[in-house]
């Protein structure tokens, strides 16, 4: 009976570990840094993504690639997916963004990470 209980416990742990990886976005910025800068969607993130051409009608402004970043609500919903930040940071296993341009500057990536980390301020 103990073996069955142990096996069932192990299976529960393993199955719960196979959940949706997109549920938790991990950022790498020190909290004191993010606390020291006030990053908002309206003042910072929209401009960064707009300047990079991400939110145009031929890109994520119309939902290409599974992400829509045409306004605050759609950008926030997209940024809640781990693949959003992974793509911006050009990490392995995702298509790097912007697709036809250079990687965003470290400063702009840092701003987007702090925006996410500090709760997606509008």
N, C-alpha and C. Protein backbone atom coordinates (compact mmCIF):
# COMPACT_ATOMS: atom_id res chain seq x y z
N UNK A 1 0.82 -1.20 0.00
CA UNK A 1 0.00 0.00 0.00
C UNK A 1 0.87 1.27 0.00
N UNK A 2 1.98 1.21 0.74
CA UNK A 2 2.88 2.36 0.78
C UNK A 2 3.47 2.64 -0.60
N UNK A 3 3.77 1.57 -1.34
CA UNK A 3 4.34 1.74 -2.67
C UNK A 3 3.35 2.41 -3.61
N UNK A 4 2.08 2.04 -3.52
CA UNK A 4 1.06 2.64 -4.36
C UNK A 4 0.92 4.13 -4.03
N UNK A 5 0.89 4.45 -2.74
CA UNK A 5 0.79 5.84 -2.31
C UNK A 5 2.00 6.64 -2.80
N UNK A 6 3.18 6.08 -2.66
CA UNK A 6 4.40 6.74 -3.10
C UNK A 6 4.38 6.96 -4.62
N UNK A 7 3.98 5.93 -5.36
CA UNK A 7 3.92 6.03 -6.82
C UNK A 7 2.90 7.10 -7.23
N UNK A 8 1.74 7.10 -6.57
CA UNK A 8 0.71 8.10 -6.88
C UNK A 8 1.22 9.51 -6.57
N UNK A 9 1.92 9.68 -5.48
CA UNK A 9 2.47 10.99 -5.12
C UNK A 9 3.48 11.47 -6.15
N UNK A 10 4.34 10.59 -6.58
CA UNK A 10 5.35 10.94 -7.59
C UNK A 10 4.67 11.33 -8.90
N UNK A 11 3.65 10.58 -9.30
CA UNK A 11 2.94 10.90 -10.54
C UNK A 11 2.25 12.26 -10.46
N UNK A 12 1.67 12.57 -9.33
CA UNK A 12 1.02 13.87 -9.16
C UNK A 12 2.03 14.99 -9.30
N UNK A 13 3.17 14.84 -8.67
CA UNK A 13 4.22 15.86 -8.76
C UNK A 13 4.71 16.01 -10.19
N UNK A 14 4.94 14.90 -10.87
CA UNK A 14 5.42 14.96 -12.24
C UNK A 14 4.40 15.59 -13.17
N UNK A 15 3.14 15.23 -13.03
CA UNK A 15 2.10 15.78 -13.89
C UNK A 15 1.89 17.27 -13.64
N UNK A 16 1.99 17.68 -12.41
CA UNK A 16 1.82 19.11 -12.13
C UNK A 16 3.00 19.91 -12.67
N UNK A 17 4.15 19.30 -12.79
CA UNK A 17 5.33 19.98 -13.34
C UNK A 17 5.21 20.17 -14.85
N UNK A 18 4.31 19.46 -15.48
CA UNK A 18 4.13 19.56 -16.93
C UNK A 18 3.08 20.59 -17.30
N UNK A 19 2.79 21.51 -16.44
CA UNK A 19 1.77 22.53 -16.68
C UNK A 19 2.21 23.52 -17.72
N UNK A 20 1.46 24.56 -17.88
CA UNK A 20 1.68 25.59 -18.88
C UNK A 20 2.90 26.44 -18.50
N UNK A 21 3.96 26.33 -19.29
CA UNK A 21 5.18 27.09 -19.04
C UNK A 21 5.00 28.58 -19.28
N UNK A 22 3.92 28.95 -19.98
CA UNK A 22 3.70 30.35 -20.29
C UNK A 22 3.08 31.12 -19.12
N UNK A 23 2.80 30.44 -18.03
CA UNK A 23 2.08 31.06 -16.93
C UNK A 23 2.96 31.98 -16.09
N UNK A 24 4.26 31.75 -16.05
CA UNK A 24 5.14 32.54 -15.19
C UNK A 24 6.22 33.20 -16.03
N UNK A 25 6.25 34.51 -16.00
CA UNK A 25 7.28 35.26 -16.72
C UNK A 25 8.41 35.55 -15.75
N UNK A 26 9.61 35.16 -16.12
CA UNK A 26 10.77 35.38 -15.27
C UNK A 26 11.61 36.53 -15.84
N UNK A 27 11.86 37.50 -14.99
CA UNK A 27 12.73 38.61 -15.39
C UNK A 27 14.03 38.52 -14.62
N UNK A 28 15.05 39.17 -15.13
CA UNK A 28 16.38 39.06 -14.53
C UNK A 28 16.89 40.37 -13.94
N UNK A 29 16.04 41.35 -13.80
CA UNK A 29 16.50 42.65 -13.31
C UNK A 29 16.42 42.71 -11.78
N UNK A 30 17.43 43.31 -11.15
CA UNK A 30 17.38 43.49 -9.69
C UNK A 30 16.18 44.36 -9.31
N UNK A 31 15.46 43.97 -8.28
CA UNK A 31 14.27 44.72 -7.90
C UNK A 31 14.58 46.15 -7.52
N UNK A 32 15.74 46.39 -6.89
CA UNK A 32 16.07 47.77 -6.52
C UNK A 32 16.25 48.64 -7.76
N UNK A 33 16.76 48.08 -8.85
CA UNK A 33 16.88 48.83 -10.10
C UNK A 33 15.50 49.17 -10.64
N UNK A 34 14.63 48.17 -10.70
CA UNK A 34 13.29 48.40 -11.23
C UNK A 34 12.49 49.35 -10.36
N UNK A 35 12.74 49.32 -9.06
CA UNK A 35 12.07 50.25 -8.16
C UNK A 35 12.55 51.69 -8.37
N UNK A 36 13.77 51.84 -8.87
CA UNK A 36 14.36 53.18 -9.01
C UNK A 36 13.94 53.88 -10.31
N UNK A 37 13.35 53.14 -11.24
CA UNK A 37 12.90 53.76 -12.49
C UNK A 37 11.41 53.50 -12.66
N UNK A 38 10.69 54.51 -13.10
CA UNK A 38 9.25 54.40 -13.26
C UNK A 38 8.93 54.15 -14.73
N UNK A 39 8.75 52.88 -15.07
CA UNK A 39 8.48 52.50 -16.45
C UNK A 39 6.98 52.27 -16.60
N UNK A 40 6.38 52.93 -17.59
CA UNK A 40 4.97 52.72 -17.87
C UNK A 40 4.80 52.36 -19.34
N UNK A 41 3.67 51.78 -19.63
CA UNK A 41 3.36 51.45 -21.03
C UNK A 41 3.30 52.74 -21.85
N UNK A 42 2.52 53.70 -21.37
CA UNK A 42 2.28 54.93 -22.14
C UNK A 42 3.55 55.73 -22.40
N UNK A 43 4.42 55.85 -21.40
CA UNK A 43 5.61 56.69 -21.54
C UNK A 43 6.82 55.97 -22.12
N UNK A 44 6.87 54.66 -22.00
CA UNK A 44 8.11 53.95 -22.37
C UNK A 44 7.89 52.78 -23.32
N UNK A 45 7.12 51.80 -22.88
CA UNK A 45 7.01 50.54 -23.62
C UNK A 45 6.40 50.74 -25.00
N UNK A 46 5.33 51.51 -25.10
CA UNK A 46 4.69 51.74 -26.41
C UNK A 46 5.68 52.36 -27.40
N UNK A 47 6.49 53.30 -26.93
CA UNK A 47 7.48 53.95 -27.79
C UNK A 47 8.56 52.97 -28.22
N UNK A 48 9.05 52.15 -27.28
CA UNK A 48 10.10 51.17 -27.61
C UNK A 48 9.59 50.22 -28.68
N UNK A 49 8.41 49.66 -28.48
CA UNK A 49 7.86 48.70 -29.44
C UNK A 49 7.48 49.37 -30.76
N UNK A 50 6.99 50.59 -30.69
CA UNK A 50 6.65 51.33 -31.90
C UNK A 50 7.87 51.67 -32.72
N UNK A 51 8.93 52.14 -32.07
CA UNK A 51 10.18 52.49 -32.76
C UNK A 51 10.81 51.27 -33.41
N UNK A 52 10.62 50.10 -32.81
CA UNK A 52 11.19 48.87 -33.36
C UNK A 52 10.34 48.30 -34.49
N UNK A 53 9.16 48.92 -34.73
CA UNK A 53 8.29 48.46 -35.80
C UNK A 53 7.42 47.27 -35.41
N UNK A 54 7.34 46.98 -34.14
CA UNK A 54 6.62 45.80 -33.67
C UNK A 54 5.10 45.93 -33.75
N UNK A 55 4.61 47.15 -33.57
CA UNK A 55 3.17 47.32 -33.43
C UNK A 55 2.49 47.81 -34.71
N UNK A 56 3.17 47.74 -35.82
CA UNK A 56 2.60 48.17 -37.10
C UNK A 56 1.58 47.17 -37.64
N UNK A 57 0.86 47.57 -38.67
CA UNK A 57 -0.21 46.72 -39.21
C UNK A 57 0.32 45.45 -39.86
N UNK A 58 1.57 45.42 -40.26
CA UNK A 58 2.11 44.22 -40.89
C UNK A 58 2.85 43.33 -39.90
N UNK A 59 2.79 43.68 -38.64
CA UNK A 59 3.47 42.88 -37.63
C UNK A 59 2.50 42.57 -36.51
N UNK A 60 2.87 42.84 -35.27
CA UNK A 60 2.04 42.45 -34.13
C UNK A 60 0.90 43.41 -33.84
N UNK A 61 0.80 44.49 -34.59
CA UNK A 61 -0.36 45.36 -34.47
C UNK A 61 -1.62 44.65 -34.94
N UNK A 62 -1.43 43.66 -35.81
CA UNK A 62 -2.57 42.89 -36.32
C UNK A 62 -2.56 41.45 -35.82
N UNK A 63 -1.70 41.14 -34.89
CA UNK A 63 -1.71 39.82 -34.28
C UNK A 63 -0.83 38.77 -34.93
N UNK A 64 0.08 39.16 -35.79
CA UNK A 64 0.97 38.18 -36.41
C UNK A 64 1.81 37.47 -35.36
N UNK A 65 2.07 36.22 -35.57
CA UNK A 65 2.93 35.45 -34.68
C UNK A 65 2.29 35.11 -33.34
N UNK A 66 0.97 35.28 -33.23
CA UNK A 66 0.29 34.93 -32.00
C UNK A 66 0.26 36.02 -30.95
N UNK A 67 0.93 37.12 -31.19
CA UNK A 67 0.94 38.23 -30.24
C UNK A 67 0.35 39.47 -30.90
N UNK A 68 -0.45 40.20 -30.15
CA UNK A 68 -0.96 41.49 -30.60
C UNK A 68 -0.48 42.53 -29.60
N UNK A 69 0.14 43.57 -30.11
CA UNK A 69 0.65 44.64 -29.23
C UNK A 69 0.25 46.00 -29.79
N UNK A 70 -1.03 46.14 -30.08
CA UNK A 70 -1.52 47.39 -30.67
C UNK A 70 -1.91 48.43 -29.63
N UNK A 71 -2.13 48.01 -28.38
CA UNK A 71 -2.51 48.95 -27.32
C UNK A 71 -2.10 48.35 -25.97
N UNK A 72 -2.42 49.05 -24.90
CA UNK A 72 -2.00 48.59 -23.57
C UNK A 72 -2.53 47.20 -23.25
N UNK A 73 -3.82 46.98 -23.44
CA UNK A 73 -4.43 45.69 -23.05
C UNK A 73 -3.83 44.52 -23.81
N UNK A 74 -3.67 44.67 -25.13
CA UNK A 74 -3.14 43.55 -25.92
C UNK A 74 -1.65 43.34 -25.64
N UNK A 75 -0.93 44.43 -25.40
CA UNK A 75 0.49 44.30 -25.09
C UNK A 75 0.69 43.63 -23.74
N UNK A 76 -0.10 44.02 -22.77
CA UNK A 76 -0.01 43.39 -21.45
C UNK A 76 -0.32 41.89 -21.55
N UNK A 77 -1.39 41.54 -22.25
CA UNK A 77 -1.75 40.13 -22.40
C UNK A 77 -0.62 39.35 -23.08
N UNK A 78 0.00 39.96 -24.08
CA UNK A 78 1.12 39.30 -24.77
C UNK A 78 2.32 39.16 -23.85
N UNK A 79 2.61 40.21 -23.08
CA UNK A 79 3.79 40.21 -22.19
C UNK A 79 3.63 39.24 -21.03
N UNK A 80 2.42 38.81 -20.75
CA UNK A 80 2.20 37.82 -19.70
C UNK A 80 2.61 36.42 -20.14
N UNK A 81 2.90 36.25 -21.41
CA UNK A 81 3.38 34.99 -21.97
C UNK A 81 4.91 35.01 -21.95
N UNK A 82 5.51 33.96 -21.42
CA UNK A 82 6.98 33.93 -21.31
C UNK A 82 7.68 34.08 -22.65
N UNK A 83 7.05 33.63 -23.72
CA UNK A 83 7.68 33.69 -25.04
C UNK A 83 7.87 35.12 -25.53
N UNK A 84 7.05 36.05 -25.06
CA UNK A 84 7.17 37.46 -25.43
C UNK A 84 8.55 37.99 -25.05
N UNK A 85 8.91 37.86 -23.79
CA UNK A 85 10.20 38.36 -23.32
C UNK A 85 11.35 37.54 -23.89
N UNK A 86 11.15 36.23 -24.03
CA UNK A 86 12.19 35.38 -24.60
C UNK A 86 12.52 35.81 -26.04
N UNK A 87 11.50 36.15 -26.81
CA UNK A 87 11.71 36.57 -28.19
C UNK A 87 12.45 37.90 -28.25
N UNK A 88 12.08 38.83 -27.38
CA UNK A 88 12.75 40.12 -27.34
C UNK A 88 14.22 39.96 -26.95
N UNK A 89 14.49 39.02 -26.07
CA UNK A 89 15.87 38.81 -25.60
C UNK A 89 16.67 37.88 -26.51
N UNK A 90 16.04 37.40 -27.60
CA UNK A 90 16.67 36.50 -28.57
C UNK A 90 17.15 35.20 -27.91
N UNK A 91 16.33 34.63 -27.06
CA UNK A 91 16.67 33.38 -26.39
C UNK A 91 16.38 32.19 -27.30
N UNK A 92 17.06 31.11 -27.05
CA UNK A 92 16.91 29.88 -27.83
C UNK A 92 15.50 29.33 -27.64
N UNK A 93 14.96 28.70 -28.63
CA UNK A 93 13.67 28.00 -28.68
C UNK A 93 12.50 28.91 -29.03
N UNK A 94 12.75 30.18 -29.32
CA UNK A 94 11.70 31.08 -29.80
C UNK A 94 12.25 31.87 -30.99
N UNK A 95 11.35 32.37 -31.80
CA UNK A 95 11.75 33.19 -32.93
C UNK A 95 12.17 34.57 -32.41
N UNK A 96 13.39 35.01 -32.71
CA UNK A 96 13.85 36.30 -32.18
C UNK A 96 13.09 37.46 -32.80
N UNK A 97 12.83 38.47 -31.98
CA UNK A 97 12.11 39.66 -32.41
C UNK A 97 12.94 40.90 -32.10
N UNK A 98 12.89 41.91 -32.89
CA UNK A 98 12.13 41.96 -34.14
C UNK A 98 12.76 41.06 -35.20
N UNK A 99 11.91 40.45 -35.97
CA UNK A 99 12.35 39.43 -36.93
C UNK A 99 13.29 39.99 -37.99
N UNK A 100 12.99 41.14 -38.53
CA UNK A 100 13.82 41.66 -39.62
C UNK A 100 14.73 42.81 -39.18
N UNK A 101 14.92 42.93 -37.87
CA UNK A 101 15.76 44.01 -37.39
C UNK A 101 16.73 43.54 -36.33
N UNK A 102 17.49 44.47 -35.81
CA UNK A 102 18.44 44.15 -34.76
C UNK A 102 17.72 43.94 -33.43
N UNK A 103 18.36 43.22 -32.56
CA UNK A 103 17.85 43.03 -31.21
C UNK A 103 17.72 44.41 -30.55
N UNK A 104 16.70 44.56 -29.71
CA UNK A 104 16.55 45.81 -28.97
C UNK A 104 17.78 46.04 -28.11
N UNK A 105 18.04 47.28 -27.78
CA UNK A 105 19.19 47.59 -26.93
C UNK A 105 18.99 46.97 -25.55
N UNK A 106 20.08 46.73 -24.86
CA UNK A 106 20.01 46.18 -23.50
C UNK A 106 19.18 47.11 -22.60
N UNK A 107 19.32 48.41 -22.79
CA UNK A 107 18.57 49.38 -21.99
C UNK A 107 17.06 49.23 -22.22
N UNK A 108 16.65 49.06 -23.48
CA UNK A 108 15.23 48.90 -23.77
C UNK A 108 14.68 47.57 -23.29
N UNK A 109 15.47 46.52 -23.40
CA UNK A 109 15.06 45.22 -22.86
C UNK A 109 14.89 45.32 -21.35
N UNK A 110 15.82 46.00 -20.71
CA UNK A 110 15.76 46.21 -19.27
C UNK A 110 14.49 46.96 -18.88
N UNK A 111 14.13 47.97 -19.64
CA UNK A 111 12.90 48.73 -19.37
C UNK A 111 11.67 47.83 -19.49
N UNK A 112 11.63 47.01 -20.53
CA UNK A 112 10.49 46.12 -20.70
C UNK A 112 10.43 45.10 -19.57
N UNK A 113 11.58 44.57 -19.17
CA UNK A 113 11.62 43.63 -18.05
C UNK A 113 11.12 44.30 -16.76
N UNK A 114 11.56 45.51 -16.51
CA UNK A 114 11.12 46.22 -15.30
C UNK A 114 9.63 46.54 -15.37
N UNK A 115 9.13 46.86 -16.54
CA UNK A 115 7.69 47.09 -16.71
C UNK A 115 6.91 45.84 -16.32
N UNK A 116 7.37 44.69 -16.80
CA UNK A 116 6.72 43.42 -16.46
C UNK A 116 6.86 43.15 -14.97
N UNK A 117 8.07 43.26 -14.47
CA UNK A 117 8.38 42.95 -13.08
C UNK A 117 7.59 43.83 -12.10
N UNK A 118 7.33 45.08 -12.48
CA UNK A 118 6.64 46.00 -11.59
C UNK A 118 5.13 46.03 -11.81
N UNK A 119 4.62 45.05 -12.53
CA UNK A 119 3.16 44.91 -12.63
C UNK A 119 2.49 45.58 -13.80
N UNK A 120 3.20 45.81 -14.89
CA UNK A 120 2.58 46.29 -16.14
C UNK A 120 1.87 47.64 -15.97
N UNK A 121 2.58 48.63 -15.42
CA UNK A 121 1.95 49.95 -15.22
C UNK A 121 1.53 50.55 -16.55
N UNK A 122 0.35 51.13 -16.55
CA UNK A 122 -0.18 51.71 -17.77
C UNK A 122 0.37 53.12 -17.98
